Amino acid sequence: MIEVKYFGAVAEKTKCEFEKLSFSEELSLQKLLQDLNEKYEFEALTFSVAVNQKIVPKSTDYTLKINDIVALLPPFAGG
């Protein structure tokens, strides 16, 4: 089971801060993001993705593992 954490506008869109998802076959990060986009319609949102606290490109070819934590983060501002 993986945990998906939502922050900022993404959390507002999903109406939750996190959810745990189970999967029966190998799940890529791209497939997870596609499934979440279909479920929550993220098209207008800008966000970064972190896997296990490391920022990764949304297009990265990463196969998720049990106990991975995926975070959808709002854009960062400098300061």
PDB file of N, CA and C in Angstrom:
ATOM      1  N   MET A   1       0.844  -1.170   0.000  1.00  0.00           N
ATOM      2  CA  MET A   1       0.000   0.000   0.000  1.00  0.00           C
ATOM      3  C   MET A   1       0.892   1.238   0.000  1.00  0.00           C
ATOM      4  N   ILE A   2       0.582   2.185  -0.858  1.00  0.00           N
ATOM      5  CA  ILE A   2       1.325   3.436  -0.867  1.00  0.00           C
ATOM      6  C   ILE A   2       0.462   4.540  -0.276  1.00  0.00           C
ATOM      7  N   GLU A   3       1.121   5.559   0.227  1.00  0.00           N
ATOM      8  CA  GLU A   3       0.417   6.704   0.782  1.00  0.00           C
ATOM      9  C   GLU A   3       0.636   7.885  -0.143  1.00  0.00           C
ATOM     10  N   VAL A   4      -0.439   8.580  -0.467  1.00  0.00           N
ATOM     11  CA  VAL A   4      -0.360   9.784  -1.282  1.00  0.00           C
ATOM     12  C   VAL A   4      -0.780  10.948  -0.394  1.00  0.00           C
ATOM     13  N   LYS A   5       0.114  11.930  -0.274  1.00  0.00           N
ATOM     14  CA  LYS A   5      -0.157  13.109   0.550  1.00  0.00           C
ATOM     15  C   LYS A   5      -0.424  14.299  -0.360  1.00  0.00           C
ATOM     16  N   TYR A   6      -1.409  15.104   0.013  1.00  0.00           N
ATOM     17  CA  TYR A   6      -1.800  16.264  -0.780  1.00  0.00           C
ATOM     18  C   TYR A   6      -1.571  17.538   0.022  1.00  0.00           C
ATOM     19  N   PHE A   7      -1.052  18.568  -0.646  1.00  0.00           N
ATOM     20  CA  PHE A   7      -0.778  19.841   0.005  1.00  0.00           C
ATOM     21  C   PHE A   7      -1.327  20.983  -0.837  1.00  0.00           C
ATOM     22  N   GLY A   8      -1.610  22.104  -0.192  1.00  0.00           N
ATOM     23  CA  GLY A   8      -2.046  23.319  -0.890  1.00  0.00           C
ATOM     24  C   GLY A   8      -3.316  23.125  -1.691  1.00  0.00           C
ATOM     25  N   ALA A   9      -3.300  23.657  -2.912  1.00  0.00           N
ATOM     26  CA  ALA A   9      -4.483  23.606  -3.784  1.00  0.00           C
ATOM     27  C   ALA A   9      -4.880  22.180  -4.129  1.00  0.00           C
ATOM     28  N   VAL A  10      -3.899  21.274  -4.159  1.00  0.00           N
ATOM     29  CA  VAL A  10      -4.218  19.874  -4.459  1.00  0.00           C
ATOM     30  C   VAL A  10      -5.053  19.286  -3.328  1.00  0.00           C
ATOM     31  N   ALA A  11      -4.708  19.597  -2.082  1.00  0.00           N
ATOM     32  CA  ALA A  11      -5.493  19.125  -0.937  1.00  0.00           C
ATOM     33  C   ALA A  11      -6.899  19.717  -0.972  1.00  0.00           C
ATOM     34  N   GLU A  12      -7.000  20.985  -1.377  1.00  0.00           N
ATOM     35  CA  GLU A  12      -8.322  21.608  -1.485  1.00  0.00           C
ATOM     36  C   GLU A  12      -9.159  20.902  -2.558  1.00  0.00           C
ATOM     37  N   LYS A  13      -8.530  20.543  -3.658  1.00  0.00           N
ATOM     38  CA  LYS A  13      -9.248  19.879  -4.752  1.00  0.00           C
ATOM     39  C   LYS A  13      -9.707  18.469  -4.344  1.00  0.00           C
ATOM     40  N   THR A  14      -8.831  17.724  -3.635  1.00  0.00           N
ATOM     41  CA  THR A  14      -9.174  16.353  -3.251  1.00  0.00           C
ATOM     42  C   THR A  14     -10.054  16.298  -2.006  1.00  0.00           C
ATOM     43  N   LYS A  15     -10.071  17.401  -1.267  1.00  0.00           N
ATOM     44  CA  LYS A  15     -10.817  17.493  -0.001  1.00  0.00           C
ATOM     45  C   LYS A  15     -10.276  16.506   1.048  1.00  0.00           C
ATOM     46  N   CYS A  16      -8.990  16.183   0.940  1.00  0.00           N
ATOM     47  CA  CYS A  16      -8.337  15.352   1.957  1.00  0.00           C
ATOM     48  C   CYS A  16      -6.843  15.649   1.935  1.00  0.00           C
ATOM     49  N   GLU A  17      -6.178  15.313   3.026  1.00  0.00           N
ATOM     50  CA  GLU A  17      -4.745  15.569   3.128  1.00  0.00           C
ATOM     51  C   GLU A  17      -3.913  14.368   2.695  1.00  0.00           C
ATOM     52  N   PHE A  18      -4.508  13.169   2.747  1.00  0.00           N
ATOM     53  CA  PHE A  18      -3.786  11.977   2.305  1.00  0.00           C
ATOM     54  C   PHE A  18      -4.772  10.852   2.060  1.00  0.00           C
ATOM     55  N   GLU A  19      -4.306   9.851   1.335  1.00  0.00           N
ATOM     56  CA  GLU A  19      -5.068   8.616   1.182  1.00  0.00           C
ATOM     57  C   GLU A  19      -4.086   7.483   0.956  1.00  0.00           C
ATOM     58  N   LYS A  20      -4.492   6.303   1.347  1.00  0.00           N
ATOM     59  CA  LYS A  20      -3.661   5.120   1.154  1.00  0.00           C
ATOM     60  C   LYS A  20      -4.276   4.298   0.039  1.00  0.00           C
ATOM     61  N   LEU A  21      -3.427   3.898  -0.898  1.00  0.00           N
ATOM     62  CA  LEU A  21      -3.901   3.171  -2.071  1.00  0.00           C
ATOM     63  C   LEU A  21      -3.199   1.824  -2.154  1.00  0.00           C
ATOM     64  N   SER A  22      -3.982   0.808  -2.438  1.00  0.00           N
ATOM     65  CA  SER A  22      -3.379  -0.510  -2.646  1.00  0.00           C
ATOM     66  C   SER A  22      -3.451  -0.828  -4.133  1.00  0.00           C
ATOM     67  N   PHE A  23      -2.540  -1.640  -4.592  1.00  0.00           N
ATOM     68  CA  PHE A  23      -2.521  -2.016  -5.997  1.00  0.00           C
ATOM     69  C   PHE A  23      -2.076  -3.455  -6.113  1.00  0.00           C
ATOM     70  N   SER A  24      -2.617  -4.139  -7.107  1.00  0.00           N
ATOM     71  CA  SER A  24      -2.369  -5.570  -7.239  1.00  0.00           C
ATOM     72  C   SER A  24      -1.265  -5.892  -8.247  1.00  0.00           C
ATOM     73  N   GLU A  25      -0.892  -4.920  -9.052  1.00  0.00           N
ATOM     74  CA  GLU A  25       0.164  -5.133 -10.031  1.00  0.00           C
ATOM     75  C   GLU A  25       1.140  -3.973  -9.939  1.00  0.00           C
ATOM     76  N   GLU A  26       2.261  -4.068 -10.637  1.00  0.00           N
ATOM     77  CA  GLU A  26       3.224  -2.981 -10.626  1.00  0.00           C
ATOM     78  C   GLU A  26       2.547  -1.687 -11.044  1.00  0.00           C
ATOM     79  N   LEU A  27       2.865  -0.635 -10.332  1.00  0.00           N
ATOM     80  CA  LEU A  27       2.250   0.660 -10.597  1.00  0.00           C
ATOM     81  C   LEU A  27       3.361   1.682 -10.794  1.00  0.00           C
ATOM     82  N   SER A  28       3.359   2.339 -11.945  1.00  0.00           N
ATOM     83  CA  SER A  28       4.355   3.376 -12.196  1.00  0.00           C
ATOM     84  C   SER A  28       3.851   4.699 -11.629  1.00  0.00           C
ATOM     85  N   LEU A  29       4.789   5.583 -11.369  1.00  0.00           N
ATOM     86  CA  LEU A  29       4.421   6.912 -10.893  1.00  0.00           C
ATOM     87  C   LEU A  29       3.534   7.601 -11.923  1.00  0.00           C
ATOM     88  N   GLN A  30       3.864   7.465 -13.204  1.00  0.00           N
ATOM     89  CA  GLN A  30       3.053   8.086 -14.259  1.00  0.00           C
ATOM     90  C   GLN A  30       1.624   7.560 -14.251  1.00  0.00           C
ATOM     91  N   LYS A  31       1.452   6.253 -14.058  1.00  0.00           N
ATOM     92  CA  LYS A  31       0.107   5.658 -14.028  1.00  0.00           C
ATOM     93  C   LYS A  31      -0.662   6.165 -12.810  1.00  0.00           C
ATOM     94  N   LEU A  32       0.014   6.255 -11.670  1.00  0.00           N
ATOM     95  CA  LEU A  32      -0.639   6.786 -10.469  1.00  0.00           C
ATOM     96  C   LEU A  32      -1.117   8.205 -10.715  1.00  0.00           C
ATOM     97  N   LEU A  33      -0.254   9.051 -11.268  1.00  0.00           N
ATOM     98  CA  LEU A  33      -0.636  10.437 -11.531  1.00  0.00           C
ATOM     99  C   LEU A  33      -1.779  10.517 -12.534  1.00  0.00           C
ATOM    100  N   GLN A  34      -1.760   9.650 -13.540  1.00  0.00           N
ATOM    101  CA  GLN A  34      -2.853   9.605 -14.517  1.00  0.00           C
ATOM    102  C   GLN A  34      -4.165   9.217 -13.835  1.00  0.00           C
ATOM    103  N   ASP A  35      -4.123   8.201 -12.984  1.00  0.00           N
ATOM    104  CA  ASP A  35      -5.330   7.755 -12.277  1.00  0.00           C
ATOM    105  C   ASP A  35      -5.864   8.852 -11.349  1.00  0.00           C
ATOM    106  N   LEU A  36      -4.957   9.530 -10.639  1.00  0.00           N
ATOM    107  CA  LEU A  36      -5.383  10.604  -9.742  1.00  0.00           C
ATOM    108  C   LEU A  36      -5.959  11.771 -10.534  1.00  0.00           C
ATOM    109  N   ASN A  37      -5.381  12.063 -11.688  1.00  0.00           N
ATOM    110  CA  ASN A  37      -5.896  13.136 -12.528  1.00  0.00           C
ATOM    111  C   ASN A  37      -7.307  12.816 -13.021  1.00  0.00           C
ATOM    112  N   GLU A  38      -7.540  11.562 -13.392  1.00  0.00           N
ATOM    113  CA  GLU A  38      -8.888  11.168 -13.826  1.00  0.00           C
ATOM    114  C   GLU A  38      -9.880  11.266 -12.668  1.00  0.00           C
ATOM    115  N   LYS A  39      -9.435  10.917 -11.478  1.00  0.00           N
ATOM    116  CA  LYS A  39     -10.317  10.934 -10.310  1.00  0.00           C
ATOM    117  C   LYS A  39     -10.627  12.355  -9.838  1.00  0.00           C
ATOM    118  N   TYR A  40      -9.591  13.220  -9.802  1.00  0.00           N
ATOM    119  CA  TYR A  40      -9.745  14.555  -9.212  1.00  0.00           C
ATOM    120  C   TYR A  40      -9.691  15.710 -10.213  1.00  0.00           C
ATOM    121  N   GLU A  41      -9.385  15.442 -11.475  1.00  0.00           N
ATOM    122  CA  GLU A  41      -9.321  16.473 -12.516  1.00  0.00           C
ATOM    123  C   GLU A  41      -8.361  17.600 -12.138  1.00  0.00           C
ATOM    124  N   PHE A  42      -7.071  17.278 -12.097  1.00  0.00           N
ATOM    125  CA  PHE A  42      -6.020  18.215 -11.713  1.00  0.00           C
ATOM    126  C   PHE A  42      -5.562  19.143 -12.839  1.00  0.00           C
ATOM    127  N   GLU A  43      -6.172  19.088 -14.035  1.00  0.00           N
ATOM    128  CA  GLU A  43      -5.638  19.779 -15.205  1.00  0.00           C
ATOM    129  C   GLU A  43      -5.198  21.213 -14.929  1.00  0.00           C
ATOM    130  N   ALA A  44      -5.972  21.974 -14.188  1.00  0.00           N
ATOM    131  CA  ALA A  44      -5.673  23.395 -13.989  1.00  0.00           C
ATOM    132  C   ALA A  44      -4.675  23.630 -12.854  1.00  0.00           C
ATOM    133  N   LEU A  45      -4.274  22.588 -12.161  1.00  0.00           N
ATOM    134  CA  LEU A  45      -3.384  22.762 -11.012  1.00  0.00           C
ATOM    135  C   LEU A  45      -1.918  22.556 -11.398  1.00  0.00           C
ATOM    136  N   THR A  46      -1.077  23.347 -10.785  1.00  0.00           N
ATOM    137  CA  THR A  46       0.369  23.182 -10.940  1.00  0.00           C
ATOM    138  C   THR A  46       0.898  22.618  -9.636  1.00  0.00           C
ATOM    139  N   PHE A  47       1.638  21.531  -9.722  1.00  0.00           N
ATOM    140  CA  PHE A  47       2.208  20.941  -8.521  1.00  0.00           C
ATOM    141  C   PHE A  47       3.455  20.149  -8.854  1.00  0.00           C
ATOM    142  N   SER A  48       4.285  19.971  -7.849  1.00  0.00           N
ATOM    143  CA  SER A  48       5.479  19.133  -7.970  1.00  0.00           C
ATOM    144  C   SER A  48       5.188  17.798  -7.311  1.00  0.00           C
ATOM    145  N   VAL A  49       6.010  16.808  -7.637  1.00  0.00           N
ATOM    146  CA  VAL A  49       5.829  15.470  -7.085  1.00  0.00           C
ATOM    147  C   VAL A  49       7.094  15.070  -6.335  1.00  0.00           C
ATOM    148  N   ALA A  50       6.903  14.511  -5.153  1.00  0.00           N
ATOM    149  CA  ALA A  50       8.017  13.957  -4.383  1.00  0.00           C
ATOM    150  C   ALA A  50       7.704  12.503  -4.073  1.00  0.00           C
ATOM    151  N   VAL A  51       8.711  11.661  -4.176  1.00  0.00           N
ATOM    152  CA  VAL A  51       8.585  10.260  -3.780  1.00  0.00           C
ATOM    153  C   VAL A  51       9.590  10.038  -2.661  1.00  0.00           C
ATOM    154  N   ASN A  52       9.071   9.648  -1.506  1.00  0.00           N
ATOM    155  CA  ASN A  52       9.917   9.423  -0.334  1.00  0.00           C
ATOM    156  C   ASN A  52      10.791  10.643  -0.043  1.00  0.00           C
ATOM    157  N   GLN A  53      10.174  11.815  -0.097  1.00  0.00           N
ATOM    158  CA  GLN A  53      10.768  13.104   0.249  1.00  0.00           C
ATOM    159  C   GLN A  53      11.822  13.597  -0.739  1.00  0.00           C
ATOM    160  N   LYS A  54      11.826  13.065  -1.957  1.00  0.00           N
ATOM    161  CA  LYS A  54      12.735  13.550  -3.001  1.00  0.00           C
ATOM    162  C   LYS A  54      11.912  14.015  -4.185  1.00  0.00           C
ATOM    163  N   ILE A  55      12.120  15.261  -4.594  1.00  0.00           N
ATOM    164  CA  ILE A  55      11.400  15.798  -5.744  1.00  0.00           C
ATOM    165  C   ILE A  55      11.825  15.028  -7.000  1.00  0.00           C
ATOM    166  N   VAL A  56      10.836  14.603  -7.772  1.00  0.00           N
ATOM    167  CA  VAL A  56      11.109  13.878  -9.017  1.00  0.00           C
ATOM    168  C   VAL A  56      10.270  14.491 -10.135  1.00  0.00           C
ATOM    169  N   PRO A  57      10.754  14.422 -11.376  1.00  0.00           N
ATOM    170  CA  PRO A  57       9.935  14.896 -12.497  1.00  0.00           C
ATOM    171  C   PRO A  57       8.684  14.025 -12.637  1.00  0.00           C
ATOM    172  N   LYS A  58       7.585  14.649 -13.012  1.00  0.00           N
ATOM    173  CA  LYS A  58       6.338  13.892 -13.198  1.00  0.00           C
ATOM    174  C   LYS A  58       6.489  12.817 -14.267  1.00  0.00           C
ATOM    175  N   SER A  59       7.405  13.043 -15.190  1.00  0.00           N
ATOM    176  CA  SER A  59       7.577  12.102 -16.296  1.00  0.00           C
ATOM    177  C   SER A  59       8.589  11.002 -15.993  1.00  0.00           C
ATOM    178  N   THR A  60       9.132  10.981 -14.783  1.00  0.00           N
ATOM    179  CA  THR A  60      10.162   9.991 -14.463  1.00  0.00           C
ATOM    180  C   THR A  60       9.603   8.573 -14.567  1.00  0.00           C
ATOM    181  N   ASP A  61      10.442   7.663 -14.981  1.00  0.00           N
ATOM    182  CA  ASP A  61      10.051   6.261 -15.132  1.00  0.00           C
ATOM    183  C   ASP A  61      10.363   5.551 -13.821  1.00  0.00           C
ATOM    184  N   TYR A  62       9.448   5.645 -12.866  1.00  0.00           N
ATOM    185  CA  TYR A  62       9.669   5.077 -11.538  1.00  0.00           C
ATOM    186  C   TYR A  62       8.549   4.097 -11.223  1.00  0.00           C
ATOM    187  N   THR A  63       8.894   2.908 -10.810  1.00  0.00           N
ATOM    188  CA  THR A  63       7.900   1.926 -10.386  1.00  0.00           C
ATOM    189  C   THR A  63       7.745   2.028  -8.881  1.00  0.00           C
ATOM    190  N   LEU A  64       6.538   2.301  -8.451  1.00  0.00           N
ATOM    191  CA  LEU A  64       6.274   2.463  -7.017  1.00  0.00           C
ATOM    192  C   LEU A  64       6.396   1.134  -6.288  1.00  0.00           C
ATOM    193  N   LYS A  65       6.832   1.231  -5.054  1.00  0.00           N
ATOM    194  CA  LYS A  65       6.984   0.055  -4.201  1.00  0.00           C
ATOM    195  C   LYS A  65       6.055   0.191  -3.002  1.00  0.00           C
ATOM    196  N   ILE A  66       5.744  -0.946  -2.394  1.00  0.00           N
ATOM    197  CA  ILE A  66       4.927  -0.926  -1.187  1.00  0.00           C
ATOM    198  C   ILE A  66       5.631  -0.043  -0.165  1.00  0.00           C
ATOM    199  N   ASN A  67       4.881   0.764   0.538  1.00  0.00           N
ATOM    200  CA  ASN A  67       5.356   1.691   1.568  1.00  0.00           C
ATOM    201  C   ASN A  67       5.982   2.967   1.018  1.00  0.00           C
ATOM    202  N   ASP A  68       5.960   3.185  -0.303  1.00  0.00           N
ATOM    203  CA  ASP A  68       6.406   4.471  -0.839  1.00  0.00           C
ATOM    204  C   ASP A  68       5.418   5.549  -0.410  1.00  0.00           C
ATOM    205  N   ILE A  69       5.934   6.754  -0.246  1.00  0.00           N
ATOM    206  CA  ILE A  69       5.092   7.903   0.059  1.00  0.00           C
ATOM    207  C   ILE A  69       5.248   8.901  -1.076  1.00  0.00           C
ATOM    208  N   VAL A  70       4.130   9.217  -1.714  1.00  0.00           N
ATOM    209  CA  VAL A  70       4.107  10.171  -2.829  1.00  0.00           C
ATOM    210  C   VAL A  70       3.428  11.434  -2.325  1.00  0.00           C
ATOM    211  N   ALA A  71       4.069  12.576  -2.539  1.00  0.00           N
ATOM    212  CA  ALA A  71       3.487  13.849  -2.119  1.00  0.00           C
ATOM    213  C   ALA A  71       3.277  14.733  -3.338  1.00  0.00           C
ATOM    214  N   LEU A  72       2.118  15.362  -3.406  1.00  0.00           N
ATOM    215  CA  LEU A  72       1.819  16.332  -4.456  1.00  0.00           C
ATOM    216  C   LEU A  72       1.894  17.708  -3.795  1.00  0.00           C
ATOM    217  N   LEU A  73       2.890  18.493  -4.212  1.00  0.00           N
ATOM    218  CA  LEU A  73       3.254  19.724  -3.518  1.00  0.00           C
ATOM    219  C   LEU A  73       2.921  20.954  -4.342  1.00  0.00           C
ATOM    220  N   PRO A  74       2.513  22.043  -3.671  1.00  0.00           N
ATOM    221  CA  PRO A  74       2.242  23.296  -4.396  1.00  0.00           C
ATOM    222  C   PRO A  74       3.548  23.886  -4.916  1.00  0.00           C
ATOM    223  N   PRO A  75       3.446  24.808  -5.875  1.00  0.00           N
ATOM    224  CA  PRO A  75       4.662  25.471  -6.374  1.00  0.00           C
ATOM    225  C   PRO A  75       5.385  26.184  -5.231  1.00  0.00           C
ATOM    226  N   PHE A  76       6.704  26.176  -5.306  1.00  0.00           N
ATOM    227  CA  PHE A  76       7.498  26.839  -4.277  1.00  0.00           C
ATOM    228  C   PHE A  76       7.794  28.268  -4.704  1.00  0.00           C
ATOM    229  N   ALA A  77       7.820  29.169  -3.725  1.00  0.00           N
ATOM    230  CA  ALA A  77       8.159  30.556  -3.989  1.00  0.00           C
ATOM    231  C   ALA A  77       9.498  30.854  -3.334  1.00  0.00           C
ATOM    232  N   GLY A  78      10.274  31.655  -3.995  1.00  0.00           N
ATOM    233  CA  GLY A  78      11.565  32.048  -3.436  1.00  0.00           C
ATOM    234  C   GLY A  78      11.391  33.081  -2.347  1.00  0.00           C
ATOM    235  N   GLY A  79      12.454  33.312  -1.609  1.00  0.00           N
ATOM    236  CA  GLY A  79      12.314  34.359  -0.595  1.00  0.00           C
ATOM    237  C   GLY A  79      13.403  34.356   0.402  1.00  0.00           C
TER     238      GLY A  79
END
